[in-house]
Amino acid sequence: MAQQERAIRTRQAILEAAASVFDERGYEAATIGEILTKAGVTKGALYFHFPSKQALAEGVIAEQFSVLFMGDRTCKLQQLVDLGLLTAYHMRRDPLVSASARLSLEGEMGAFFGPRLISEWIGATETILVEAKGQGELLPHVDPAESAWIFSAAWTGVQVYSSTMDKRVGLEERIATLFQHLLPAVAVPAVLGRLIVTAERAAELGAESEQLAREAALLEAAQAVAG
């Protein structure tokens, strides 16, 4: 059991180190040596978990979702807003999230990962909007699939501009402003008036996410001991 726990910790350390290096230098410029140094592990340990640099990039992209913990919301448009704000919060603080964005949009890996990852985000957004429509939260003319494409593309554009112009300083405020502009085009007035769309909410969601992550880790550890 102790060996299994060490393996889990080692894998996580490698992923976090790889994310930090990819985020700082990009996929092409990043080296395995830099990742080994930052992770503090041997080359054998790294290749035991990840047989190539591409496998490391795939692991980072998959792992980003592990930090975006959020409970379901009764109001699905609030859930959409919260997911966007929470992602912005973590993108400024967690290399796993910011590196995934860079990997999906830049250079060789952008061409390889981008279409799949973008499709996944559009699909997740569409699922929420379909649920929102089913609950009467959307205006009658709104097409969830079409709106999902626009919301996802606009969110990505804001984060790319923010990253390029000011290293994502104030990203949460910009994402809140984006939702404030887009939501009146899709939400029925009664729902629109109840939505909380502020940068301050992003910090609250970040604290909630971190608490949920801690609870999940404790549960996983308890299950490992029981098993």
Protein backbone atom coordinates (compact mmCIF):
# COMPACT_ATOMS: atom_id res chain seq x y z
CA MET A 1 0.00 0.00 0.00
CA ALA A 2 2.82 2.41 0.85
CA GLN A 3 4.44 1.60 -2.50
CA GLN A 4 1.18 2.36 -4.30
CA GLU A 5 0.85 5.69 -2.50
CA ARG A 6 4.43 6.61 -3.43
CA ALA A 7 3.71 5.76 -7.05
CA ILE A 8 0.63 8.01 -7.01
CA ARG A 9 2.60 10.87 -5.45
CA THR A 10 5.44 10.41 -7.94
CA ARG A 11 3.06 10.47 -10.89
CA GLN A 12 1.40 13.63 -9.58
CA ALA A 13 4.75 15.33 -9.02
CA ILE A 14 5.78 14.51 -12.58
CA LEU A 15 2.52 15.87 -14.01
CA GLU A 16 2.75 19.09 -12.00
CA ALA A 17 6.39 19.58 -13.03
CA ALA A 18 5.59 18.89 -16.68
CA ALA A 19 2.65 21.31 -16.57
CA SER A 20 4.88 24.03 -15.11
CA VAL A 21 7.55 23.55 -17.78
CA PHE A 22 5.05 23.29 -20.66
CA ASP A 23 3.26 26.39 -19.42
CA GLU A 24 6.47 28.39 -19.15
CA ARG A 25 8.31 27.22 -22.27
CA GLY A 26 5.78 25.54 -24.57
CA TYR A 27 5.80 21.93 -25.69
CA GLU A 28 8.53 22.14 -28.33
CA ALA A 29 11.03 23.98 -26.11
CA ALA A 30 10.38 21.91 -22.98
CA THR A 31 12.88 19.14 -22.25
CA ILE A 32 12.60 15.95 -20.27
CA GLY A 33 15.67 17.06 -18.31
CA GLU A 34 13.91 20.22 -17.10
CA ILE A 35 10.88 18.21 -16.06
CA LEU A 36 13.03 15.68 -14.20
CA THR A 37 14.83 18.46 -12.32
CA LYS A 38 11.61 20.22 -11.33
CA ALA A 39 9.90 16.96 -10.31
CA GLY A 40 12.93 15.65 -8.41
CA VAL A 41 12.57 12.14 -9.84
CA THR A 42 14.75 9.79 -11.87
CA LYS A 43 14.40 9.25 -15.58
CA GLY A 44 13.33 5.67 -14.87
CA ALA A 45 10.52 6.84 -12.61
CA LEU A 46 9.29 9.28 -15.23
CA TYR A 47 9.33 6.75 -18.06
CA PHE A 48 7.59 4.18 -15.86
CA HIS A 49 4.56 6.47 -15.78
CA PHE A 50 4.95 8.31 -19.10
CA PRO A 51 6.84 6.66 -21.99
CA SER A 52 7.28 9.87 -23.99
CA LYS A 53 6.99 13.65 -23.88
CA GLN A 54 3.75 13.40 -25.83
CA ALA A 55 2.36 11.02 -23.21
CA LEU A 56 3.28 13.61 -20.58
CA ALA A 57 1.37 16.28 -22.50
CA GLU A 58 -1.63 13.96 -22.76
CA GLY A 59 -1.44 13.35 -19.01
CA VAL A 60 -1.36 17.06 -18.24
CA ILE A 61 -4.41 17.71 -20.41
CA ALA A 62 -6.34 14.85 -18.81
CA GLU A 63 -5.34 15.94 -15.30
CA GLN A 64 -6.65 19.50 -15.68
CA PHE A 65 -10.19 18.27 -15.06
CA SER A 66 -9.14 16.87 -11.68
CA VAL A 67 -8.76 20.40 -10.28
CA LEU A 68 -12.03 21.79 -11.67
CA PHE A 69 -14.18 20.43 -8.84
CA MET A 70 -17.66 21.92 -8.74
CA GLY A 71 -21.00 20.69 -7.50
CA ASP A 72 -24.12 20.69 -9.68
CA ARG A 73 -26.27 23.81 -9.64
CA THR A 74 -30.06 23.85 -9.72
CA CYS A 75 -29.88 26.74 -12.21
CA LYS A 76 -27.95 25.45 -15.21
CA LEU A 77 -27.02 28.89 -16.53
CA GLN A 78 -25.44 29.59 -13.15
CA GLN A 79 -23.57 26.31 -13.56
CA LEU A 80 -22.29 27.50 -16.94
CA VAL A 81 -21.16 30.80 -15.46
CA ASP A 82 -19.54 29.09 -12.49
CA LEU A 83 -17.62 26.68 -14.70
CA GLY A 84 -16.27 29.56 -16.76
CA LEU A 85 -15.29 31.59 -13.70
CA LEU A 86 -13.76 28.59 -11.94
CA THR A 87 -11.65 27.71 -14.98
CA ALA A 88 -10.44 31.31 -15.17
CA TYR A 89 -9.57 31.20 -11.45
CA HIS A 90 -7.50 28.04 -11.83
CA MET A 91 -5.92 29.17 -15.09
CA ARG A 92 -4.21 31.97 -13.18
CA ARG A 93 -3.08 29.69 -10.36
CA ASP A 94 -2.68 26.10 -11.54
CA PRO A 95 -0.20 25.19 -14.30
CA LEU A 96 -2.21 22.04 -15.04
CA VAL A 97 -5.03 24.24 -16.37
CA SER A 98 -2.97 26.96 -18.03
CA ALA A 99 -0.55 24.48 -19.61
CA SER A 100 -3.48 22.52 -21.04
CA ALA A 101 -4.72 25.67 -22.74
CA ARG A 102 -1.29 26.32 -24.23
CA LEU A 103 -0.90 22.72 -25.35
CA SER A 104 -4.29 22.75 -27.07
CA LEU A 105 -3.70 25.99 -28.97
CA GLU A 106 0.00 26.24 -29.75
CA GLY A 107 2.25 24.67 -32.35
CA GLU A 108 2.55 20.96 -33.00
CA MET A 109 0.57 19.90 -29.97
CA GLY A 110 -2.15 22.44 -30.71
CA ALA A 111 -2.76 20.77 -34.06
CA PHE A 112 -2.74 17.36 -32.37
CA PHE A 113 -4.76 18.04 -29.21
CA GLY A 114 -6.70 21.17 -30.10
CA PRO A 115 -9.60 19.77 -32.14
CA ARG A 116 -10.37 17.07 -29.57
CA LEU A 117 -10.10 19.31 -26.52
CA ILE A 118 -12.08 22.14 -28.08
CA SER A 119 -14.79 19.67 -29.09
CA GLU A 120 -14.93 18.38 -25.51
CA TRP A 121 -15.40 21.89 -24.12
CA ILE A 122 -18.07 22.71 -26.68
CA GLY A 123 -19.81 19.42 -25.86
CA ALA A 124 -19.72 20.10 -22.12
CA THR A 125 -21.13 23.58 -22.68
CA GLU A 126 -23.86 22.24 -24.94
CA THR A 127 -24.87 19.66 -22.33
CA ILE A 128 -25.37 22.41 -19.75
CA LEU A 129 -27.31 24.58 -22.20
CA VAL A 130 -29.56 21.66 -23.22
CA GLU A 131 -30.38 21.16 -19.53
CA ALA A 132 -30.97 24.90 -19.16
CA LYS A 133 -33.38 24.86 -22.10
CA GLY A 134 -35.22 21.90 -20.61
CA GLN A 135 -35.72 23.90 -17.41
CA GLY A 136 -37.05 26.94 -19.26
CA GLU A 137 -33.99 29.09 -18.60
CA LEU A 138 -33.33 29.95 -22.27
CA LEU A 139 -35.21 32.22 -24.64
CA PRO A 140 -37.36 30.24 -27.12
CA HIS A 141 -35.18 30.95 -30.16
CA VAL A 142 -31.89 29.82 -28.55
CA ASP A 143 -30.15 26.81 -30.12
CA PRO A 144 -27.99 25.15 -27.42
CA ALA A 145 -25.49 23.74 -29.93
CA GLU A 146 -24.99 27.05 -31.68
CA SER A 147 -24.75 28.95 -28.41
CA ALA A 148 -22.28 26.41 -26.99
CA TRP A 149 -19.95 27.05 -29.92
CA ILE A 150 -20.14 30.82 -29.41
CA PHE A 151 -19.72 30.71 -25.63
CA SER A 152 -16.74 28.37 -25.88
CA ALA A 153 -15.06 30.33 -28.67
CA ALA A 154 -15.60 33.64 -26.88
CA TRP A 155 -14.22 32.28 -23.59
CA THR A 156 -11.12 30.99 -25.38
CA GLY A 157 -10.65 34.28 -27.19
CA VAL A 158 -10.80 36.24 -23.94
CA GLN A 159 -8.22 34.03 -22.25
CA VAL A 160 -5.89 34.15 -25.28
CA TYR A 161 -6.10 37.95 -25.46
CA SER A 162 -5.60 38.20 -21.70
CA SER A 163 -2.62 35.85 -21.79
CA THR A 164 -1.02 37.76 -24.66
CA MET A 165 -1.69 41.27 -23.38
CA ASP A 166 -1.20 41.06 -19.62
CA LYS A 167 -0.33 37.47 -18.62
CA ARG A 168 -3.96 36.87 -17.56
CA VAL A 169 -3.99 39.56 -14.86
CA GLY A 170 -7.65 40.25 -14.21
CA LEU A 171 -8.83 37.25 -16.23
CA GLU A 172 -11.70 36.58 -13.83
CA GLU A 173 -13.00 40.14 -14.33
CA ARG A 174 -12.79 39.79 -18.10
CA ILE A 175 -14.63 36.47 -18.08
CA ALA A 176 -17.34 37.93 -15.86
CA THR A 177 -17.69 40.81 -18.33
CA LEU A 178 -17.92 38.32 -21.20
CA PHE A 179 -20.84 36.53 -19.53
CA GLN A 180 -22.51 39.85 -18.75
CA HIS A 181 -22.46 40.62 -22.48
CA LEU A 182 -23.54 37.18 -23.74
CA LEU A 183 -26.15 36.04 -21.24
CA PRO A 184 -28.85 38.61 -22.13
CA ALA A 185 -28.94 37.06 -25.61
CA VAL A 186 -29.89 33.61 -24.30
CA ALA A 187 -31.42 33.84 -20.79
CA VAL A 188 -35.05 34.54 -19.98
CA PRO A 189 -35.31 37.76 -17.91
CA ALA A 190 -36.46 36.00 -14.73
CA VAL A 191 -33.33 33.81 -14.72
CA LEU A 192 -30.99 36.54 -15.93
CA GLY A 193 -31.86 38.69 -12.94
CA ARG A 194 -30.88 35.92 -10.50
CA LEU A 195 -27.50 35.02 -11.97
CA ILE A 196 -24.35 35.91 -10.02
CA VAL A 197 -21.72 36.97 -12.53
CA THR A 198 -18.82 38.63 -10.72
CA ALA A 199 -15.08 38.22 -10.36
CA GLU A 200 -15.59 37.88 -6.60
CA ARG A 201 -17.62 34.75 -7.23
CA ALA A 202 -14.61 33.21 -8.96
CA ALA A 203 -12.65 33.36 -5.69
CA GLU A 204 -15.54 31.75 -3.83
CA LEU A 205 -15.69 28.99 -6.42
CA GLY A 206 -11.95 28.49 -6.14
CA ALA A 207 -12.25 27.95 -2.38
CA GLU A 208 -15.17 25.55 -2.92
CA SER A 209 -13.19 23.64 -5.54
CA GLU A 210 -10.16 23.28 -3.28
CA GLN A 211 -12.33 22.01 -0.43
CA LEU A 212 -14.02 19.46 -2.70
CA ALA A 213 -10.61 18.35 -3.97
CA ARG A 214 -9.41 17.79 -0.39
CA GLU A 215 -12.53 15.80 0.44
CA ALA A 216 -12.09 13.68 -2.69
CA ALA A 217 -8.45 12.99 -1.80
CA LEU A 218 -9.40 11.93 1.72
CA LEU A 219 -12.13 9.65 0.37
CA GLU A 220 -9.74 8.10 -2.14
CA ALA A 221 -7.17 7.48 0.59
CA ALA A 222 -9.79 5.90 2.86
CA GLN A 223 -10.98 3.64 0.05
CA ALA A 224 -7.40 2.61 -0.69
CA VAL A 225 -6.84 1.64 2.95
CA ALA A 226 -10.15 -0.23 3.12
CA GLY A 227 -9.41 -2.03 -0.12
